[in-house]
Amino acid sequence: MGGIAGIWGRNDPELVRWMSGRLTHRGPDSLGTHHGVDPPVDLGYTRLAVTDIGGGDQPMYSPSGNVLVANSEICNAGMLRGLLGPHRFASRSDSEAILHLLGDEGCGATSRLRGFFAFAMLLEGDLVLGRDPFGIKPLYLADHEGALVFASELKALPDGVTEVRELEPGTVFSAASGLHRYFTLHRQRPLNGSFETHAARVRRALERAVRLRLASDVPVGAFLSGSLGDSAVAALMSRYTGELHTFSVGLAGSRELWAARRVSAHLGTIHHEHVLEPAEVLEELPTVVESLEAFGRDLVRAAVPMHFAARLASRHVKVVLTGVGADALFAGQERHRGIDDPEVLDNAVVESLRSLHDVELRRLDHLTMARGVEARVPLLDLDVVAAALSVPIELRRPGFCSGDKAVLRSAVADLLPHDVTWRDEAGAGGDPGPWDSLWEQVASVIGDTTREHPGPCRSAEECHYHAILGAALGDLDPLMTAISH
């Protein structure tokens, strides 16, 4: 895990060292670079050491001369190692599976990787960039003085870039042959079976996904926001780990803190909690905006709990598991409510999953990696997604069994307190009352949030965030195509 940066088309090792230096928060444990002249390429990598602490530094090299830098957690690395020949591996790092798999089979073999990743690989003289199916890990590309530059975050791109864009989830880019899509999410054909059968199928897939994501040479904890997704993941983790640290952030008197405490007590976790105060939220907003690389009011507000949760977790663990994706996968988002047509709802769920990278996954990655914490997302395991989408949409619709996400609730009902499993989460926003009060206090300090404002800002609050982001990143105009707002 960590951050990657590079330039293709000309050599500029000093620039890549500068770019990598802008990513040290993502990988504080080591810095590695590669300089190649024919073809001209420079690569940089900042490492967060999670697996094979002493032997997993990057760049990685194959005997044939291929070079890899990867921000990844490859869950099926053990299986791939066996197929590719374990004697070929110089480390225990899961990222090395990418090096040998693509070296043997070409960039089309990216579809065989399971987990999350953003990588850059010099493959037989060609530059290949790849990103995981849902975009859990980010990768930005831009043109710079006739060359291609790329990095894990916008803040690592140099001044003077043009054509800034994200590498799309589920694609690989080849400098020789262009963009190729290896993964496309579609609606699934519904499987036959009772509600209980479908819930059991989801449970089996999620159990396996959680177990695979516990692999680490450093302690692994769990975010516990009070949401069903976080609670389900923590409950399954507690079955396969000994000492489990959980982390929760919220406002005094909020239902999410109550639910997190209930789940922690039920599971017997070592629970860490931070109760937010308006003054500290206001103080930390510049850091939140800089980490998030966005200025939209709702985006920044939603990022605040994650910022404090990541800071809390970083004092105890390097890896956390989270239930991000549950609302999108099981039709629990606000946008899904009120859709009566099953086909329209099914399409809306697929579209929610396709767009997760733009807001929710970006928030998760940027806010956790800003604190040197790797966040893993078992609910977006491809087998879990397939199991969930194969449940007939009638059983996934909001309101079925008097609530949303009924299949997931039933799948983990035996692991959690009944009053948490079946509580109304009030959509994705949790308990709005205390948060509304907090943001009213923040807005009173920032200024009027209702009048019209020119340019990309829709309120004084957004203008405040826009100014913070501009101070951190410089000229925002060329970056706007990649900034959510």
Protein backbone atom coordinates (compact mmCIF):
# COMPACT_ATOMS: atom_id res chain seq x y z
CA MET A 1 0.00 0.00 0.00
CA GLY A 2 1.03 3.59 -0.48
CA GLY A 3 1.21 6.18 -3.24
CA ILE A 4 2.49 6.01 -6.80
CA ALA A 5 3.70 8.69 -9.19
CA GLY A 6 5.50 8.81 -12.49
CA ILE A 7 6.26 10.36 -15.84
CA TRP A 8 6.33 8.70 -19.26
CA GLY A 9 7.70 10.17 -22.48
CA ARG A 10 10.65 12.03 -21.01
CA ASN A 11 12.96 11.67 -18.05
CA ASP A 12 12.56 13.94 -15.05
CA PRO A 13 13.69 12.14 -11.90
CA GLU A 14 13.66 15.35 -9.85
CA LEU A 15 10.03 15.96 -10.74
CA VAL A 16 9.04 12.42 -9.77
CA ARG A 17 10.87 12.75 -6.46
CA TRP A 18 8.90 15.94 -5.84
CA MET A 19 5.64 14.22 -6.81
CA SER A 20 6.44 11.29 -4.52
CA GLY A 21 7.24 13.70 -1.72
CA ARG A 22 3.70 15.04 -2.00
CA LEU A 23 2.45 11.52 -1.24
CA THR A 24 4.50 10.63 1.83
CA HIS A 25 1.36 10.66 4.00
CA ARG A 26 0.16 7.67 1.95
CA GLY A 27 3.40 5.81 2.49
CA PRO A 28 5.51 7.07 5.39
CA ASP A 29 7.63 3.92 5.73
CA SER A 30 9.87 4.08 2.64
CA LEU A 31 10.40 5.81 -0.71
CA GLY A 32 11.54 4.07 -3.88
CA THR A 33 12.18 5.30 -7.42
CA HIS A 34 12.98 3.86 -10.85
CA HIS A 35 14.79 5.69 -13.64
CA GLY A 36 14.70 4.24 -17.14
CA VAL A 37 16.15 5.82 -20.27
CA ASP A 38 14.96 3.55 -23.09
CA PRO A 39 12.04 4.08 -23.02
CA PRO A 40 12.16 7.27 -20.94
CA VAL A 41 10.24 6.70 -17.70
CA ASP A 42 10.56 7.64 -14.05
CA LEU A 43 8.49 5.98 -11.32
CA GLY A 44 8.05 6.78 -7.65
CA TYR A 45 6.51 4.88 -4.75
CA THR A 46 5.86 5.76 -1.12
CA ARG A 47 5.19 2.71 1.01
CA LEU A 48 2.84 1.95 3.87
CA ALA A 49 4.34 -1.34 5.05
CA VAL A 50 1.53 -3.80 5.78
CA THR A 51 2.67 -7.15 4.34
CA ASP A 52 6.26 -8.46 4.25
CA ILE A 53 7.53 -5.49 6.23
CA GLY A 54 11.20 -6.10 5.47
CA GLY A 55 10.95 -7.45 1.93
CA GLY A 56 8.11 -5.71 0.14
CA ASP A 57 9.70 -2.44 -0.94
CA GLN A 58 9.00 -1.10 -4.41
CA PRO A 59 9.67 -0.67 -7.29
CA MET A 60 9.64 -4.42 -7.96
CA TYR A 61 11.62 -5.95 -10.81
CA SER A 62 11.24 -9.16 -12.79
CA PRO A 63 14.21 -11.03 -14.30
CA SER A 64 12.98 -9.99 -17.76
CA GLY A 65 13.19 -6.29 -16.89
CA ASN A 66 9.56 -5.46 -16.11
CA VAL A 67 9.09 -2.88 -13.35
CA LEU A 68 6.10 -2.36 -11.03
CA VAL A 69 4.84 0.21 -8.55
CA ALA A 70 1.45 -0.66 -7.10
CA ASN A 71 -0.91 0.69 -4.47
CA SER A 72 -2.71 -2.58 -3.92
CA GLU A 73 -4.10 -5.34 -1.78
CA ILE A 74 -4.45 -8.44 -3.94
CA CYS A 75 -6.70 -10.85 -2.05
CA ASN A 76 -6.04 -13.81 -4.36
CA ALA A 77 -2.26 -13.33 -4.36
CA GLY A 78 -1.76 -16.70 -2.65
CA MET A 79 -3.67 -18.53 -5.35
CA LEU A 80 -1.86 -16.64 -8.10
CA ARG A 81 1.48 -17.36 -6.48
CA GLY A 82 0.75 -21.08 -6.66
CA LEU A 83 -0.27 -20.88 -10.32
CA LEU A 84 2.63 -18.70 -11.39
CA GLY A 85 5.28 -20.64 -9.49
CA PRO A 86 6.22 -19.60 -5.96
CA HIS A 87 9.93 -19.98 -6.71
CA ARG A 88 9.73 -16.89 -8.94
CA PHE A 89 8.70 -14.58 -6.10
CA ALA A 90 11.34 -12.52 -4.35
CA SER A 91 9.02 -11.37 -1.54
CA ARG A 92 5.81 -12.19 0.30
CA SER A 93 4.19 -8.98 -0.94
CA ASP A 94 0.80 -9.47 -2.58
CA SER A 95 1.70 -6.75 -5.11
CA GLU A 96 4.36 -8.98 -6.65
CA ALA A 97 1.57 -11.14 -8.08
CA ILE A 98 0.75 -8.27 -10.46
CA LEU A 99 4.34 -8.18 -11.71
CA HIS A 100 4.48 -11.86 -12.66
CA LEU A 101 0.86 -12.26 -13.78
CA LEU A 102 1.00 -9.42 -16.28
CA GLY A 103 4.52 -10.36 -17.24
CA ASP A 104 3.30 -13.82 -18.26
CA GLU A 105 -0.12 -13.01 -19.70
CA GLY A 106 -0.16 -9.32 -20.61
CA CYS A 107 -2.32 -6.46 -19.36
CA GLY A 108 -5.53 -8.37 -20.15
CA ALA A 109 -4.78 -10.55 -17.13
CA THR A 110 -5.71 -7.61 -14.89
CA SER A 111 -9.20 -9.12 -14.84
CA ARG A 112 -7.84 -12.03 -12.77
CA LEU A 113 -6.83 -9.80 -9.86
CA ARG A 114 -9.12 -9.67 -6.83
CA GLY A 115 -8.98 -6.87 -4.30
CA PHE A 116 -8.11 -3.24 -4.94
CA PHE A 117 -5.27 -1.68 -6.86
CA ALA A 118 -3.87 1.19 -8.83
CA PHE A 119 -0.59 0.31 -10.51
CA ALA A 120 1.97 1.48 -13.03
CA MET A 121 4.05 -1.15 -14.78
CA LEU A 122 6.79 -1.01 -17.36
CA LEU A 123 5.82 -4.10 -19.35
CA GLU A 124 8.09 -5.10 -22.20
CA GLY A 125 8.86 -1.49 -23.00
CA ASP A 126 5.25 -0.30 -22.68
CA LEU A 127 3.73 1.69 -19.83
CA VAL A 128 0.63 0.00 -18.40
CA LEU A 129 -1.60 1.67 -15.80
CA GLY A 130 -4.44 -0.24 -14.12
CA ARG A 131 -7.23 0.42 -11.64
CA ASP A 132 -9.52 -1.96 -9.73
CA PRO A 133 -13.11 -2.64 -10.86
CA PHE A 134 -14.84 -0.17 -8.51
CA GLY A 135 -12.12 2.44 -8.20
CA ILE A 136 -11.34 1.81 -4.54
CA LYS A 137 -7.82 3.09 -5.20
CA PRO A 138 -7.41 6.34 -7.16
CA LEU A 139 -5.13 7.18 -10.07
CA TYR A 140 -4.99 10.51 -11.90
CA LEU A 141 -3.40 11.17 -15.29
CA ALA A 142 -2.42 14.43 -17.01
CA ASP A 143 -0.37 15.81 -19.86
CA HIS A 144 2.70 17.82 -18.93
CA GLU A 145 5.02 19.44 -21.45
CA GLY A 146 4.56 16.67 -23.98
CA ALA A 147 4.77 13.81 -21.47
CA LEU A 148 2.25 11.80 -19.47
CA VAL A 149 2.31 12.21 -15.70
CA PHE A 150 0.27 10.23 -13.19
CA ALA A 151 -0.19 10.08 -9.42
CA SER A 152 -2.39 8.73 -6.65
CA GLU A 153 -3.63 12.22 -5.72
CA LEU A 154 -4.12 15.53 -7.49
CA LYS A 155 -1.79 17.32 -5.09
CA ALA A 156 1.12 15.34 -6.56
CA LEU A 157 0.57 16.63 -10.11
CA PRO A 158 2.95 19.45 -11.11
CA ASP A 159 2.00 22.95 -12.19
CA GLY A 160 1.25 23.33 -15.87
CA VAL A 161 -0.69 20.10 -16.37
CA THR A 162 -3.50 19.82 -18.90
CA GLU A 163 -6.09 17.17 -19.72
CA VAL A 164 -6.34 16.04 -16.09
CA ARG A 165 -8.52 12.94 -15.70
CA GLU A 166 -9.04 9.87 -13.59
CA LEU A 167 -8.12 6.46 -14.90
CA GLU A 168 -11.57 4.92 -15.02
CA PRO A 169 -12.35 2.02 -12.67
CA GLY A 170 -12.15 -1.36 -14.36
CA THR A 171 -9.72 -0.22 -17.05
CA VAL A 172 -6.09 -0.50 -18.01
CA PHE A 173 -4.24 2.09 -20.05
CA SER A 174 -1.42 1.13 -22.38
CA ALA A 175 0.81 3.84 -23.80
CA ALA A 176 1.11 1.69 -26.92
CA SER A 177 -2.53 0.74 -27.47
CA GLY A 178 -4.70 3.10 -25.40
CA LEU A 179 -7.51 2.44 -22.93
CA HIS A 180 -8.98 -1.05 -22.47
CA ARG A 181 -11.93 -1.99 -20.26
CA TYR A 182 -11.55 -5.33 -18.50
CA PHE A 183 -14.56 -5.05 -16.17
CA THR A 184 -18.10 -3.79 -16.67
CA LEU A 185 -20.77 -4.09 -14.00
CA HIS A 186 -24.14 -5.29 -15.25
CA ARG A 187 -27.42 -6.34 -13.71
CA GLN A 188 -27.33 -9.98 -12.64
CA ARG A 189 -29.81 -12.65 -13.59
CA PRO A 190 -31.78 -13.29 -10.37
CA LEU A 191 -31.35 -16.72 -8.83
CA ASN A 192 -34.18 -18.84 -7.54
CA GLY A 193 -34.57 -19.46 -3.83
CA SER A 194 -36.23 -18.23 -0.70
CA PHE A 195 -35.33 -15.03 1.12
CA GLU A 196 -33.44 -17.14 3.67
CA THR A 197 -31.49 -18.91 0.93
CA HIS A 198 -30.37 -15.61 -0.56
CA ALA A 199 -29.39 -14.23 2.84
CA ALA A 200 -27.30 -17.34 3.50
CA ARG A 201 -25.58 -16.97 0.12
CA VAL A 202 -24.70 -13.36 0.88
CA ARG A 203 -23.43 -14.38 4.32
CA ARG A 204 -21.09 -17.02 2.89
CA ALA A 205 -19.66 -14.62 0.33
CA LEU A 206 -19.16 -11.86 2.90
CA GLU A 207 -17.53 -14.20 5.41
CA ARG A 208 -14.98 -15.26 2.81
CA ALA A 209 -14.37 -11.65 1.73
CA VAL A 210 -13.73 -10.57 5.31
CA ARG A 211 -11.36 -13.48 5.98
CA LEU A 212 -9.35 -12.68 2.85
CA ARG A 213 -8.99 -9.06 3.93
CA LEU A 214 -7.60 -9.92 7.35
CA ALA A 215 -4.24 -10.91 5.83
CA SER A 216 -1.65 -8.52 7.25
CA ASP A 217 1.63 -8.41 9.14
CA VAL A 218 0.35 -5.47 11.19
CA PRO A 219 -2.76 -5.11 13.40
CA VAL A 220 -6.12 -4.81 11.63
CA GLY A 221 -9.03 -2.89 13.15
CA ALA A 222 -12.53 -1.87 12.06
CA PHE A 223 -14.47 1.34 11.66
CA LEU A 224 -17.69 1.17 13.65
CA SER A 225 -19.90 4.08 12.64
CA GLY A 226 -23.12 2.48 13.83
CA SER A 227 -24.14 1.68 10.25
CA LEU A 228 -25.27 -1.81 9.30
CA GLY A 229 -22.36 -2.25 6.89
CA ASP A 230 -19.70 -1.44 9.47
CA SER A 231 -21.47 -3.52 12.12
CA ALA A 232 -21.74 -6.55 9.82
CA VAL A 233 -18.06 -6.41 8.87
CA ALA A 234 -16.91 -5.95 12.48
CA ALA A 235 -19.10 -8.84 13.62
CA LEU A 236 -17.57 -11.19 11.06
CA MET A 237 -14.05 -9.97 11.85
CA SER A 238 -14.58 -10.74 15.52
CA ARG A 239 -15.10 -14.41 14.64
CA TYR A 240 -11.68 -14.71 13.01
CA THR A 241 -9.49 -12.37 15.03
CA GLY A 242 -8.43 -12.33 18.63
CA GLU A 243 -8.10 -8.77 19.86
CA LEU A 244 -10.18 -6.44 17.68
CA HIS A 245 -9.92 -2.66 17.93
CA THR A 246 -12.94 -0.68 16.72
CA PHE A 247 -13.18 3.06 16.08
CA SER A 248 -16.16 5.37 16.25
CA VAL A 249 -16.70 9.11 15.86
CA GLY A 250 -19.87 11.09 16.40
CA LEU A 251 -21.67 13.85 18.21
CA ALA A 252 -22.83 13.67 21.80
CA GLY A 253 -26.24 12.06 22.00
CA SER A 254 -26.20 10.76 18.44
CA ARG A 255 -27.74 7.42 17.51
CA GLU A 256 -24.65 6.34 15.59
CA LEU A 257 -22.51 6.49 18.75
CA TRP A 258 -25.17 4.57 20.66
CA ALA A 259 -25.28 1.85 17.97
CA ALA A 260 -21.48 1.61 17.81
CA ARG A 261 -21.26 1.18 21.57
CA ARG A 262 -23.95 -1.51 21.49
CA VAL A 263 -22.14 -3.46 18.78
CA SER A 264 -18.76 -3.12 20.47
CA ALA A 265 -20.12 -4.35 23.80
CA HIS A 266 -21.90 -7.23 22.08
CA LEU A 267 -18.76 -8.31 20.20
CA GLY A 268 -16.32 -7.60 23.02
CA THR A 269 -14.07 -5.31 21.00
CA ILE A 270 -11.53 -2.85 22.33
CA HIS A 271 -13.47 0.26 21.46
CA HIS A 272 -12.08 3.73 20.81
CA GLU A 273 -14.48 6.64 20.56
CA HIS A 274 -14.16 10.33 19.85
CA VAL A 275 -17.02 12.73 20.57
CA LEU A 276 -16.80 15.72 18.26
CA GLU A 277 -17.03 19.35 19.30
CA PRO A 278 -17.95 22.17 16.90
CA ALA A 279 -14.73 24.07 17.61
CA GLU A 280 -12.48 21.19 16.57
CA VAL A 281 -14.53 20.55 13.44
CA LEU A 282 -14.02 24.17 12.41
CA GLU A 283 -10.32 23.94 13.21
CA GLU A 284 -9.83 20.76 11.17
CA LEU A 285 -11.86 21.78 8.10
CA PRO A 286 -8.80 22.99 6.15
CA THR A 287 -7.10 19.63 6.67
CA VAL A 288 -10.28 17.80 5.63
CA VAL A 289 -10.56 19.83 2.42
CA GLU A 290 -6.88 19.38 1.54
CA SER A 291 -7.07 15.63 2.12
CA LEU A 292 -10.37 15.20 0.28
CA GLU A 293 -9.33 17.32 -2.71
CA ALA A 294 -12.90 18.55 -3.12
CA PHE A 295 -14.87 21.63 -2.09
CA GLY A 296 -18.54 20.68 -2.46
CA ARG A 297 -20.43 21.47 0.74
CA ASP A 298 -22.03 18.06 1.18
CA LEU A 299 -18.81 16.26 0.24
CA VAL A 300 -16.77 18.11 2.83
CA ARG A 301 -19.40 17.74 5.55
CA ALA A 302 -19.64 14.00 4.96
CA ALA A 303 -15.84 13.69 5.13
CA VAL A 304 -15.52 15.14 8.62
CA PRO A 305 -16.37 11.94 10.58
CA MET A 306 -14.01 9.91 8.37
CA HIS A 307 -11.19 12.37 9.02
CA PHE A 308 -11.50 12.04 12.77
CA ALA A 309 -12.06 8.27 12.61
CA ALA A 310 -8.89 7.81 10.55
CA ARG A 311 -6.92 9.97 12.97
CA LEU A 312 -8.22 7.91 15.88
CA ALA A 313 -7.45 4.60 14.16
CA SER A 314 -3.93 5.65 13.16
CA ARG A 315 -2.91 5.67 16.82
CA HIS A 316 -3.55 1.93 17.08
CA VAL A 317 -3.57 0.17 13.68
CA LYS A 318 -2.38 0.52 10.09
CA VAL A 319 -5.31 -1.34 8.51
CA VAL A 320 -9.07 -1.06 8.99
CA LEU A 321 -12.00 -2.87 7.45
CA THR A 322 -15.14 -0.90 6.68
CA GLY A 323 -18.71 -1.50 5.55
CA VAL A 324 -18.60 1.08 2.76
CA GLY A 325 -20.74 -0.07 -0.16
CA ALA A 326 -23.61 -1.60 1.80
CA ASP A 327 -26.10 1.15 0.97
CA ALA A 328 -25.29 1.10 -2.74
CA LEU A 329 -25.27 -2.68 -2.99
CA PHE A 330 -28.47 -3.37 -1.05
CA ALA A 331 -30.61 -0.45 -2.28
CA GLY A 332 -30.22 1.52 0.94
CA GLN A 333 -29.38 4.92 -0.52
CA GLU A 334 -31.82 7.81 -0.39
CA ARG A 335 -32.00 7.79 -4.19
CA HIS A 336 -33.42 4.24 -4.11
CA ARG A 337 -36.40 5.16 -1.97
CA GLY A 338 -39.63 5.76 -3.80
CA ILE A 339 -38.64 3.80 -6.91
CA ASP A 340 -41.53 1.40 -7.48
CA ASP A 341 -40.52 -0.06 -10.84
CA PRO A 342 -38.27 -3.12 -10.20
CA GLU A 343 -36.27 -2.67 -13.40
CA VAL A 344 -35.65 1.00 -12.70
CA LEU A 345 -34.56 0.16 -9.15
CA ASP A 346 -32.23 -2.59 -10.35
CA ASN A 347 -30.62 -0.18 -12.80
CA ALA A 348 -30.33 2.46 -10.08
CA VAL A 349 -28.45 0.03 -7.82
CA VAL A 350 -25.98 -0.80 -10.59
CA GLU A 351 -25.48 2.89 -11.32
CA SER A 352 -24.90 3.55 -7.60
CA LEU A 353 -22.13 0.97 -7.59
CA ARG A 354 -20.58 2.36 -10.76
CA SER A 355 -20.45 5.85 -9.28
CA LEU A 356 -19.12 4.92 -5.82
CA HIS A 357 -15.58 5.86 -6.82
CA ASP A 358 -16.48 9.47 -7.47
CA VAL A 359 -17.53 10.35 -3.92
CA GLU A 360 -17.70 7.63 -1.28
CA LEU A 361 -14.59 5.66 -2.25
CA ARG A 362 -12.56 8.79 -2.91
CA ARG A 363 -13.51 10.03 0.55
CA LEU A 364 -12.56 6.71 2.12
CA ASP A 365 -9.20 6.50 0.37
CA HIS A 366 -8.10 10.11 0.70
CA LEU A 367 -9.14 10.58 4.33
CA THR A 368 -7.67 7.29 5.58
CA MET A 369 -4.45 7.46 3.58
CA ALA A 370 -3.93 11.03 4.78
CA ARG A 371 -3.34 9.39 8.18
CA GLY A 372 -1.33 6.42 6.89
CA VAL A 373 -4.22 3.97 7.32
CA GLU A 374 -5.23 1.39 4.71
CA ALA A 375 -9.00 0.88 4.45
CA ARG A 376 -10.28 -2.41 3.04
CA VAL A 377 -13.77 -2.86 1.61
CA PRO A 378 -15.06 -6.46 1.79
CA LEU A 379 -18.58 -5.55 0.63
CA LEU A 380 -17.14 -4.69 -2.79
CA ASP A 381 -15.54 -8.10 -3.20
CA LEU A 382 -16.68 -9.33 -6.62
CA ASP A 383 -18.22 -12.48 -5.13
CA VAL A 384 -20.18 -10.43 -2.58
CA VAL A 385 -21.40 -8.10 -5.31
CA ALA A 386 -22.45 -11.05 -7.47
CA ALA A 387 -24.28 -12.69 -4.56
CA ALA A 388 -26.12 -9.47 -3.71
CA LEU A 389 -27.09 -8.59 -7.27
CA SER A 390 -28.38 -12.11 -7.89
CA VAL A 391 -31.01 -11.59 -5.18
CA PRO A 392 -34.31 -10.72 -6.91
CA ILE A 393 -34.78 -6.97 -6.78
CA GLU A 394 -38.16 -7.44 -5.07
CA LEU A 395 -36.28 -8.77 -2.03
CA ARG A 396 -33.80 -5.88 -2.09
CA ARG A 397 -36.21 -3.00 -2.49
CA PRO A 398 -36.46 -0.42 0.32
CA GLY A 399 -39.35 -1.25 2.63
CA PHE A 400 -39.14 -5.01 2.22
CA CYS A 401 -39.44 -6.55 5.71
CA SER A 402 -40.17 -3.05 7.07
CA GLY A 403 -36.74 -1.63 6.30
CA ASP A 404 -33.94 -1.30 3.78
CA LYS A 405 -31.05 -3.73 3.24
CA ALA A 406 -33.24 -6.56 4.56
CA VAL A 407 -31.11 -9.28 2.94
CA LEU A 408 -27.93 -8.02 4.61
CA ARG A 409 -29.71 -7.52 7.94
CA SER A 410 -30.96 -11.10 7.84
CA ALA A 411 -27.54 -12.40 6.77
CA VAL A 412 -25.89 -11.13 9.97
CA ALA A 413 -28.86 -11.06 12.36
CA ASP A 414 -27.40 -13.82 14.53
CA LEU A 415 -24.19 -11.83 15.07
CA LEU A 416 -25.58 -8.47 16.19
CA PRO A 417 -28.01 -7.08 18.78
CA HIS A 418 -31.56 -7.12 17.42
CA ASP A 419 -32.13 -3.42 18.11
CA VAL A 420 -29.07 -2.53 16.02
CA THR A 421 -29.69 -5.00 13.22
CA TRP A 422 -33.21 -3.81 12.51
CA ARG A 423 -32.98 -0.13 13.45
CA ASP A 424 -33.90 2.61 11.00
CA GLU A 425 -30.67 4.23 9.85
CA ALA A 426 -32.56 7.18 8.30
CA GLY A 427 -30.88 6.55 4.95
CA ALA A 428 -27.19 7.07 4.47
CA GLY A 429 -27.14 10.18 6.64
CA GLY A 430 -27.59 8.50 10.01
CA ASP A 431 -28.95 10.78 12.74
CA PRO A 432 -29.40 14.22 11.13
CA GLY A 433 -30.47 16.31 14.12
CA PRO A 434 -27.15 16.81 15.98
CA TRP A 435 -25.26 17.22 12.70
CA ASP A 436 -27.66 19.89 11.45
CA SER A 437 -27.06 21.83 14.64
CA LEU A 438 -23.28 21.50 14.29
CA TRP A 439 -23.26 22.71 10.70
CA GLU A 440 -25.44 25.67 11.59
CA GLN A 441 -22.75 26.69 14.07
CA VAL A 442 -19.99 26.19 11.49
CA ALA A 443 -21.91 28.12 8.85
CA SER A 444 -22.43 31.03 11.23
CA VAL A 445 -18.65 31.38 11.42
CA ILE A 446 -17.96 30.86 7.71
CA GLY A 447 -20.74 33.15 6.46
CA ASP A 448 -24.02 33.17 4.55
CA THR A 449 -24.60 29.79 2.91
CA THR A 450 -27.79 30.60 1.03
CA ARG A 451 -27.13 33.51 -1.33
CA GLU A 452 -25.90 33.00 -4.88
CA HIS A 453 -22.16 32.98 -5.58
CA PRO A 454 -20.31 33.17 -8.90
CA GLY A 455 -18.21 30.43 -10.44
CA PRO A 456 -18.22 26.86 -9.18
CA CYS A 457 -19.22 27.84 -5.63
CA ARG A 458 -22.87 27.60 -4.67
CA SER A 459 -22.54 29.17 -1.22
CA ALA A 460 -20.19 31.06 1.05
CA GLU A 461 -19.34 27.76 2.68
CA GLU A 462 -18.24 26.27 -0.66
CA CYS A 463 -16.27 29.42 -1.48
CA HIS A 464 -14.48 28.98 1.83
CA TYR A 465 -13.57 25.39 0.95
CA HIS A 466 -12.66 26.39 -2.62
CA ALA A 467 -10.18 28.95 -1.28
CA ILE A 468 -8.64 26.36 1.05
CA LEU A 469 -8.24 23.89 -1.80
CA GLY A 470 -6.75 26.53 -4.09
CA ALA A 471 -4.17 27.42 -1.46
CA ALA A 472 -3.21 23.75 -1.20
CA LEU A 473 -3.23 22.77 -4.88
CA GLY A 474 -2.56 26.03 -6.70
CA ASP A 475 -4.51 26.85 -9.86
CA LEU A 476 -7.65 24.70 -9.72
CA ASP A 477 -8.85 25.39 -13.26
CA PRO A 478 -6.94 22.54 -14.97
CA LEU A 479 -7.91 20.17 -12.16
CA MET A 480 -11.65 20.83 -12.18
CA THR A 481 -12.37 17.89 -14.48
CA ALA A 482 -11.15 15.59 -11.70
CA ILE A 483 -12.47 17.45 -8.64
CA SER A 484 -15.87 16.44 -7.26
CA HIS A 485 -18.00 19.42 -6.29
